[in-house]
C-alpha atoms as a PDB file:
ATOM      1  CA  MET A   1       3.763  29.620  62.565  1.00  0.00           C
ATOM      2  CA  THR A   2       1.046  31.908  61.176  1.00  0.00           C
ATOM      3  CA  PRO A   3      -2.120  32.423  63.204  1.00  0.00           C
ATOM      4  CA  CYS A   4      -5.110  30.457  62.032  1.00  0.00           C
ATOM      5  CA  LEU A   5      -8.143  31.998  60.429  1.00  0.00           C
ATOM      6  CA  PRO A   6     -11.394  31.810  62.426  1.00  0.00           C
ATOM      7  CA  LEU A   7     -12.913  29.308  59.982  1.00  0.00           C
ATOM      8  CA  PHE A   8      -9.843  27.097  60.309  1.00  0.00           C
ATOM      9  CA  CYS A   9     -10.042  27.227  64.110  1.00  0.00           C
ATOM     10  CA  VAL A  10     -13.727  26.285  64.038  1.00  0.00           C
ATOM     11  CA  LEU A  11     -13.071  23.378  61.683  1.00  0.00           C
ATOM     12  CA  VAL A  12     -10.283  22.100  63.885  1.00  0.00           C
ATOM     13  CA  ALA A  13     -12.372  22.478  67.029  1.00  0.00           C
ATOM     14  CA  ASP A  14     -15.565  20.942  65.630  1.00  0.00           C
ATOM     15  CA  VAL A  15     -14.423  18.286  63.183  1.00  0.00           C
ATOM     16  CA  LEU A  16     -10.918  17.065  63.878  1.00  0.00           C
ATOM     17  CA  MET A  17      -9.301  15.442  66.837  1.00  0.00           C
ATOM     18  CA  ILE A  18      -5.694  16.583  67.028  1.00  0.00           C
ATOM     19  CA  HIS A  19      -3.672  14.202  69.148  1.00  0.00           C
ATOM     20  CA  ASN A  20      -0.476  16.185  69.511  1.00  0.00           C
ATOM     21  CA  LYS A  21       1.094  19.550  68.809  1.00  0.00           C
ATOM     22  CA  GLU A  22       3.208  18.258  65.910  1.00  0.00           C
ATOM     23  CA  THR A  23       0.134  16.937  64.088  1.00  0.00           C
ATOM     24  CA  MET A  24      -1.637  20.245  64.624  1.00  0.00           C
ATOM     25  CA  GLN A  25       1.310  22.211  63.263  1.00  0.00           C
ATOM     26  CA  LEU A  26       1.565  19.959  60.205  1.00  0.00           C
ATOM     27  CA  PHE A  27      -2.147  20.298  59.520  1.00  0.00           C
ATOM     28  CA  THR A  28      -1.939  24.085  59.911  1.00  0.00           C
ATOM     29  CA  ARG A  29       1.026  24.393  57.551  1.00  0.00           C
ATOM     30  CA  ARG A  30      -0.746  22.357  54.894  1.00  0.00           C
ATOM     31  CA  THR A  31      -4.209  23.879  55.139  1.00  0.00           C
ATOM     32  CA  ASN A  32      -3.603  27.533  56.023  1.00  0.00           C
ATOM     33  CA  PRO A  33      -2.675  28.447  52.409  1.00  0.00           C
ATOM     34  CA  ILE A  34      -6.009  26.983  51.277  1.00  0.00           C
ATOM     35  CA  PHE A  35      -7.980  29.089  53.744  1.00  0.00           C
ATOM     36  CA  LEU A  36      -5.968  32.200  52.857  1.00  0.00           C
ATOM     37  CA  GLN A  37      -6.730  31.583  49.174  1.00  0.00           C
ATOM     38  CA  MET A  38     -10.430  31.226  50.001  1.00  0.00           C
ATOM     39  CA  LYS A  39     -10.334  34.560  51.836  1.00  0.00           C
ATOM     40  CA  ASN A  40      -8.527  36.251  48.913  1.00  0.00           C
ATOM     41  CA  LEU A  41     -11.038  34.867  46.411  1.00  0.00           C
ATOM     42  CA  LEU A  42     -13.946  36.163  48.481  1.00  0.00           C
ATOM     43  CA  VAL A  43     -12.396  39.649  48.525  1.00  0.00           C
ATOM     44  CA  THR A  44     -11.736  39.481  44.770  1.00  0.00           C
ATOM     45  CA  ASN A  45     -15.324  38.396  44.075  1.00  0.00           C
ATOM     46  CA  GLU A  46     -16.656  41.310  46.116  1.00  0.00           C
ATOM     47  CA  ASN A  47     -14.433  43.770  44.227  1.00  0.00           C
ATOM     48  CA  LEU A  48     -15.588  42.368  40.886  1.00  0.00           C
ATOM     49  CA  ARG A  49     -19.227  42.538  41.999  1.00  0.00           C
ATOM     50  CA  GLN A  50     -18.813  46.208  42.915  1.00  0.00           C
ATOM     51  CA  ALA A  51     -17.112  47.002  39.593  1.00  0.00           C
ATOM     52  CA  ARG A  52     -19.894  45.250  37.688  1.00  0.00           C
ATOM     53  CA  ASN A  53     -22.567  47.156  39.591  1.00  0.00           C
ATOM     54  CA  LEU A  54     -20.799  50.422  38.863  1.00  0.00           C
ATOM     55  CA  PHE A  55     -20.054  49.958  35.164  1.00  0.00           C
ATOM     56  CA  LEU A  56     -22.913  47.840  33.804  1.00  0.00           C
ATOM     57  CA  PRO A  57     -25.590  50.538  34.116  1.00  0.00           C
ATOM     58  CA  ARG A  58     -23.269  53.046  32.451  1.00  0.00           C
ATOM     59  CA  LEU A  59     -22.585  50.643  29.594  1.00  0.00           C
ATOM     60  CA  MET A  60     -26.276  49.907  29.159  1.00  0.00           C
ATOM     61  CA  ASN A  61     -27.315  53.582  28.921  1.00  0.00           C
ATOM     62  CA  GLY A  62     -24.429  54.480  26.613  1.00  0.00           C
ATOM     63  CA  SER A  63     -22.559  56.881  28.879  1.00  0.00           C
ATOM     64  CA  ILE A  64     -19.447  54.681  28.458  1.00  0.00           C
ATOM     65  CA  ALA A  65     -18.383  53.862  24.909  1.00  0.00           C
ATOM     66  CA  VAL A  66     -16.900  50.459  24.228  1.00  0.00           C
END
């Protein structure tokens, strides 16, 4: 079983009542890919934001030709 992300652990601790280990493992297997995708999308958004901030000024002043 993969370790949970901090957000996942907080959600489980604060919102859900897990009655047994099997239920917890099932929940983790089904939701961990969602939280991993959220993490990957946040990283991708940050990379895109940095690229935009780097290239937009250069495009606007004409130092990069389109």
